[in-house]
Amino acid sequence: MVLFVCKSPSMKLAIYDNLKRIITQLVTIFNINILPAPTGRPCKIKKIDALTLAVYQHTSTRCTKKSVYDDLKKSLKCSYKTLVVSINDSVVVAKKIIEVIMGLFAKDSHPVKYTDATDLPVCLRKNADKHKVMADFAGFGRSSKGWYFGLKMTMTRDFDGRILGLRFTHPTANDRDIFRDINKNINGILVADAGYVSKKLEQDMNIENKRILLIRPYKTMKRLATFFQLAVYKGRFKIEFDFRVLKLFHGLVTSLPRSVNGYLSNYLHALLSFLVA
């Protein structure tokens, strides 16, 4: 993970060029189509440049697209609106890259995997009644920090930090159903916290000699755990640390977009920057 503070214009361009090389290599290796549409007006910002600008934003101290525009407007030679539209449209390429990377991670993953969910507020709770952009997708949910208005992101990662599964849902969506869905093709030792306690879930997910589900019991439950299980449970801090890094340093949580596509692009671009930068 590389995070940086941009200072001089030359440094900003150098960082941008380095990120562009990384993105270009990924697009080439994964054979992802970034050709413009055969008809219509030509794009002022190419898809590869738009995606690089998005990753640039999420790996720097730039909290907004406006700050990215101010950094590079001399070389962009386009309006701010064009920049925003181009970055939001590049989310399709970002999604394809993330899917390919997760597929590659799955082939060489650590036997131990962790699944957990985190809150993605789209606005302050007091502004929920006035929020219109994500009104059809967001809702009230409760996390360890209290009530929030937004979405829920569920993620599976292995012990070594490889992301293997992702799902964005309404905060009231059933956690056990999401768990089944994103882990249906993942084998090994799946570890979950007490919020997933369910005898049926354990039975459904267990496959002899291929997959076993370990759910940390509630403190009030009279269930004995082996030293191995206790050691595996302790590794759950890794996925919680990933959530923290994504939110604090990659701008995963935001309330600034003015469209559904803007929110979606923010989430996926933040994840992409976390994976490649």
Protein backbone atom coordinates (compact mmCIF):
# COMPACT_ATOMS: atom_id res chain seq x y z
CA MET A 1 0.00 0.00 0.00
CA VAL A 2 1.46 3.35 -1.08
CA LEU A 3 -0.03 6.54 0.29
CA PHE A 4 1.49 9.91 -0.48
CA VAL A 5 1.21 13.63 0.05
CA CYS A 6 1.44 15.59 -3.20
CA LYS A 7 3.52 18.76 -3.08
CA SER A 8 5.12 20.04 -6.28
CA PRO A 9 3.41 19.87 -9.71
CA SER A 10 6.26 17.71 -11.04
CA MET A 11 5.78 15.24 -8.19
CA LYS A 12 2.05 15.05 -8.87
CA LEU A 13 2.66 14.28 -12.55
CA ALA A 14 5.31 11.69 -11.68
CA ILE A 15 2.91 9.90 -9.33
CA TYR A 16 0.16 10.05 -11.93
CA ASP A 17 2.48 8.60 -14.62
CA ASN A 18 3.54 5.77 -12.31
CA LEU A 19 -0.07 4.88 -11.53
CA LYS A 20 -0.91 4.98 -15.23
CA ARG A 21 1.84 2.45 -15.95
CA ILE A 22 0.41 0.12 -13.31
CA ILE A 23 -3.16 0.45 -14.61
CA THR A 24 -2.02 0.01 -18.23
CA GLN A 25 -0.15 -3.18 -17.32
CA LEU A 26 -3.21 -4.60 -15.57
CA VAL A 27 -5.51 -3.77 -18.49
CA THR A 28 -3.03 -5.33 -20.94
CA ILE A 29 -2.33 -8.48 -18.90
CA PHE A 30 -6.01 -9.07 -18.15
CA ASN A 31 -6.98 -8.29 -21.77
CA ILE A 32 -9.68 -5.79 -20.76
CA ASN A 33 -11.32 -3.86 -23.56
CA ILE A 34 -10.91 -0.10 -23.13
CA LEU A 35 -11.54 0.92 -26.73
CA PRO A 36 -13.93 3.87 -27.20
CA ALA A 37 -17.39 3.41 -28.68
CA PRO A 38 -17.29 3.10 -32.50
CA THR A 39 -19.87 5.84 -32.87
CA GLY A 40 -20.55 9.15 -31.17
CA ARG A 41 -18.32 11.97 -30.06
CA PRO A 42 -14.74 11.05 -29.06
CA CYS A 43 -14.00 11.12 -25.34
CA LYS A 44 -11.84 13.98 -24.12
CA ILE A 45 -10.42 11.71 -21.43
CA LYS A 46 -9.54 8.14 -22.39
CA LYS A 47 -10.76 5.32 -20.16
CA ILE A 48 -7.23 4.43 -19.05
CA ASP A 49 -6.60 8.05 -18.06
CA ALA A 50 -9.94 8.36 -16.28
CA LEU A 51 -9.27 5.21 -14.24
CA THR A 52 -5.77 6.43 -13.41
CA LEU A 53 -7.21 9.74 -12.19
CA ALA A 54 -9.63 7.83 -9.96
CA VAL A 55 -6.85 5.72 -8.44
CA TYR A 56 -4.74 8.88 -8.09
CA GLN A 57 -7.51 10.43 -6.01
CA HIS A 58 -7.93 7.42 -3.73
CA THR A 59 -4.22 6.88 -3.07
CA SER A 60 -3.41 10.52 -2.33
CA THR A 61 -4.54 13.13 0.15
CA ARG A 62 -7.11 14.35 -2.41
CA CYS A 63 -10.57 13.90 -0.89
CA THR A 64 -12.54 15.19 -3.89
CA LYS A 65 -12.45 15.06 -7.67
CA LYS A 66 -12.19 18.87 -7.61
CA SER A 67 -8.81 18.64 -5.87
CA VAL A 68 -7.66 16.15 -8.52
CA TYR A 69 -8.80 18.56 -11.21
CA ASP A 70 -6.90 21.42 -9.57
CA ASP A 71 -3.76 19.27 -9.40
CA LEU A 72 -3.75 18.27 -13.07
CA LYS A 73 -6.01 20.72 -14.95
CA LYS A 74 -3.13 22.08 -17.04
CA SER A 75 -2.52 18.66 -18.56
CA LEU A 76 -6.19 17.57 -18.61
CA LYS A 77 -7.42 20.39 -20.88
CA CYS A 78 -11.08 19.70 -20.17
CA SER A 79 -13.86 20.97 -17.93
CA TYR A 80 -14.40 19.75 -14.38
CA LYS A 81 -17.75 18.22 -15.40
CA THR A 82 -16.01 16.18 -18.11
CA LEU A 83 -13.55 14.89 -15.52
CA VAL A 84 -16.31 13.79 -13.13
CA VAL A 85 -18.32 12.03 -15.85
CA SER A 86 -15.21 10.28 -17.20
CA ILE A 87 -14.11 9.05 -13.76
CA ASN A 88 -17.60 7.76 -12.94
CA ASP A 89 -17.82 5.95 -16.30
CA SER A 90 -14.46 4.24 -15.70
CA VAL A 91 -16.06 2.21 -12.90
CA VAL A 92 -16.90 -0.50 -15.47
CA VAL A 93 -13.20 -1.09 -16.12
CA ALA A 94 -12.44 -0.93 -12.39
CA LYS A 95 -15.07 -3.61 -11.71
CA LYS A 96 -13.56 -5.93 -14.33
CA ILE A 97 -10.05 -5.53 -12.94
CA ILE A 98 -11.24 -6.21 -9.38
CA GLU A 99 -13.11 -9.34 -10.50
CA VAL A 100 -10.06 -10.69 -12.34
CA ILE A 101 -7.75 -9.96 -9.40
CA MET A 102 -10.09 -11.73 -6.97
CA GLY A 103 -10.29 -14.69 -9.34
CA LEU A 104 -6.49 -14.94 -9.41
CA PHE A 105 -6.29 -14.58 -5.63
CA ALA A 106 -8.74 -17.48 -5.21
CA LYS A 107 -6.38 -19.87 -7.03
CA ASP A 108 -3.52 -19.25 -4.61
CA SER A 109 -5.28 -18.29 -1.40
CA HIS A 110 -4.35 -19.14 2.17
CA PRO A 111 -6.46 -21.97 3.70
CA VAL A 112 -7.84 -19.61 6.37
CA LYS A 113 -10.41 -17.01 5.24
CA TYR A 114 -12.29 -14.33 7.14
CA THR A 115 -15.69 -12.83 6.33
CA ASP A 116 -17.11 -9.72 7.92
CA ALA A 117 -19.29 -6.71 7.11
CA THR A 118 -18.82 -2.98 7.61
CA ASP A 119 -21.07 0.06 7.45
CA LEU A 120 -20.97 2.51 4.53
CA PRO A 121 -22.88 5.66 5.57
CA VAL A 122 -23.97 7.84 2.65
CA CYS A 123 -24.79 10.85 4.81
CA LEU A 124 -25.13 11.92 8.42
CA ARG A 125 -27.97 10.17 10.21
CA LYS A 126 -29.71 13.48 10.88
CA ASN A 127 -29.82 14.14 7.12
CA ALA A 128 -31.31 10.77 6.18
CA ASP A 129 -34.81 12.15 5.57
CA LYS A 130 -33.44 14.75 3.15
CA HIS A 131 -31.05 12.44 1.31
CA LYS A 132 -32.38 11.63 -2.17
CA VAL A 133 -29.47 10.29 -4.23
CA MET A 134 -29.26 6.86 -2.54
CA ALA A 135 -32.78 6.81 -1.12
CA ASP A 136 -33.74 3.76 -3.22
CA PHE A 137 -30.72 1.71 -2.13
CA ALA A 138 -29.69 2.87 1.34
CA GLY A 139 -31.43 2.40 4.66
CA PHE A 140 -30.96 2.48 8.40
CA GLY A 141 -28.59 -0.06 9.86
CA ARG A 142 -26.78 -0.59 13.12
CA SER A 143 -23.06 -1.17 13.55
CA SER A 144 -20.77 -1.26 16.58
CA LYS A 145 -20.68 2.55 16.38
CA GLY A 146 -24.47 2.90 16.48
CA TRP A 147 -27.17 3.65 13.91
CA TYR A 148 -26.28 4.88 10.43
CA PHE A 149 -27.97 5.54 7.09
CA GLY A 150 -26.28 3.90 4.14
CA LEU A 151 -25.20 0.54 2.74
CA LYS A 152 -23.38 -2.52 4.03
CA MET A 153 -20.25 -4.02 2.48
CA THR A 154 -19.47 -7.68 3.16
CA MET A 155 -15.98 -8.91 2.34
CA THR A 156 -14.05 -12.17 2.45
CA ARG A 157 -10.25 -12.09 2.60
CA ASP A 158 -7.69 -14.74 3.32
CA PHE A 159 -5.09 -14.74 6.09
CA ASP A 160 -2.50 -13.15 3.78
CA GLY A 161 -4.73 -10.23 2.79
CA ARG A 162 -6.08 -11.36 -0.59
CA ILE A 163 -9.66 -10.19 -1.17
CA LEU A 164 -11.76 -13.11 -2.40
CA GLY A 165 -15.35 -11.87 -2.24
CA LEU A 166 -17.32 -8.62 -2.07
CA ARG A 167 -20.96 -7.68 -1.80
CA PHE A 168 -22.75 -4.35 -1.36
CA THR A 169 -26.23 -4.66 0.13
CA HIS A 170 -28.96 -2.88 2.04
CA PRO A 171 -27.96 -2.76 5.73
CA THR A 172 -30.94 -4.94 6.73
CA ALA A 173 -30.02 -7.74 4.31
CA ASN A 174 -29.60 -11.10 6.04
CA ASP A 175 -25.91 -11.60 6.91
CA ARG A 176 -26.13 -15.38 6.71
CA ASP A 177 -27.61 -15.32 3.21
CA ILE A 178 -24.86 -12.95 2.08
CA PHE A 179 -22.27 -15.23 3.68
CA ARG A 180 -23.58 -18.21 1.73
CA ASP A 181 -23.59 -16.25 -1.52
CA ILE A 182 -20.09 -14.77 -1.52
CA ASN A 183 -18.45 -17.92 -0.13
CA LYS A 184 -20.26 -20.58 -2.15
CA ASN A 185 -17.19 -21.23 -4.35
CA ILE A 186 -14.55 -20.72 -1.67
CA ASN A 187 -12.97 -23.68 0.13
CA GLY A 188 -10.80 -23.89 3.21
CA ILE A 189 -11.41 -22.72 6.77
CA LEU A 190 -14.03 -19.96 6.79
CA VAL A 191 -14.06 -17.85 9.94
CA ALA A 192 -16.88 -15.54 11.03
CA ASP A 193 -17.77 -13.60 14.16
CA ALA A 194 -20.62 -14.22 16.58
CA GLY A 195 -23.08 -12.31 14.40
CA TYR A 196 -23.19 -15.30 12.04
CA VAL A 197 -23.98 -17.89 14.71
CA SER A 198 -26.30 -20.45 13.12
CA LYS A 199 -26.25 -24.22 13.28
CA LYS A 200 -27.91 -24.42 9.86
CA LEU A 201 -25.31 -22.09 8.33
CA GLU A 202 -22.52 -24.30 9.66
CA GLN A 203 -24.20 -27.39 8.22
CA ASP A 204 -24.84 -25.73 4.85
CA MET A 205 -21.27 -24.45 4.45
CA ASN A 206 -19.36 -27.49 5.68
CA ILE A 207 -18.06 -29.79 2.93
CA GLU A 208 -16.08 -32.80 4.13
CA ASN A 209 -12.34 -32.48 3.39
CA LYS A 210 -12.95 -29.22 1.48
CA ARG A 211 -14.54 -26.58 3.64
CA ILE A 212 -15.34 -25.97 7.29
CA LEU A 213 -16.99 -22.98 8.94
CA LEU A 214 -15.76 -21.75 12.31
CA ILE A 215 -18.03 -19.20 13.98
CA ARG A 216 -16.80 -17.51 17.13
CA PRO A 217 -19.45 -18.22 19.81
CA TYR A 218 -21.03 -15.57 22.00
CA LYS A 219 -19.34 -15.10 25.37
CA THR A 220 -22.50 -16.41 27.03
CA MET A 221 -22.52 -19.63 24.98
CA LYS A 222 -21.19 -22.76 26.67
CA ARG A 223 -19.07 -24.03 23.80
CA LEU A 224 -15.51 -25.26 24.15
CA ALA A 225 -12.93 -24.14 21.60
CA THR A 226 -9.61 -25.78 20.79
CA PHE A 227 -6.33 -23.86 20.89
CA PHE A 228 -6.33 -23.94 17.09
CA GLN A 229 -9.77 -22.38 16.89
CA LEU A 230 -8.83 -19.66 19.37
CA ALA A 231 -5.70 -18.86 17.36
CA VAL A 232 -7.71 -18.66 14.14
CA TYR A 233 -10.32 -16.39 15.76
CA LYS A 234 -7.61 -13.94 16.79
CA GLY A 235 -6.77 -13.37 13.13
CA ARG A 236 -10.10 -11.62 12.58
CA PHE A 237 -8.48 -8.28 13.40
CA LYS A 238 -6.90 -8.44 9.93
CA ILE A 239 -10.17 -7.88 8.08
CA GLU A 240 -11.20 -5.19 10.54
CA PHE A 241 -7.87 -3.49 9.88
CA ASP A 242 -8.57 -3.65 6.12
CA PHE A 243 -11.89 -1.87 6.66
CA ARG A 244 -10.12 0.80 8.68
CA VAL A 245 -7.46 1.35 6.01
CA LEU A 246 -10.07 1.52 3.24
CA LYS A 247 -12.06 4.15 5.10
CA LEU A 248 -9.23 6.28 6.49
CA PHE A 249 -6.72 6.19 3.64
CA HIS A 250 -8.61 5.21 0.47
CA GLY A 251 -11.80 7.24 0.83
CA LEU A 252 -14.22 4.31 0.86
CA VAL A 253 -16.90 6.25 2.75
CA THR A 254 -18.22 9.44 1.22
CA SER A 255 -21.27 11.69 1.15
CA LEU A 256 -20.18 13.89 -1.77
CA PRO A 257 -21.43 12.12 -4.98
CA ARG A 258 -24.53 13.52 -6.62
CA SER A 259 -25.55 10.33 -8.42
CA VAL A 260 -25.85 6.61 -7.73
CA ASN A 261 -23.10 6.01 -10.27
CA GLY A 262 -20.92 8.44 -8.33
CA TYR A 263 -21.31 6.45 -5.11
CA LEU A 264 -20.68 3.14 -6.89
CA SER A 265 -17.59 4.45 -8.64
CA ASN A 266 -16.24 5.81 -5.35
CA TYR A 267 -16.55 2.40 -3.66
CA LEU A 268 -14.97 0.41 -6.48
CA HIS A 269 -12.21 2.93 -7.17
CA ALA A 270 -11.32 2.92 -3.47
CA LEU A 271 -11.13 -0.88 -3.53
CA LEU A 272 -9.04 -0.86 -6.70
CA SER A 273 -6.58 1.62 -5.21
CA PHE A 274 -6.34 -0.60 -2.12
CA LEU A 275 -5.53 -3.61 -4.32
CA VAL A 276 -3.00 -2.11 -6.72
CA ALA A 277 -1.42 1.00 -5.20
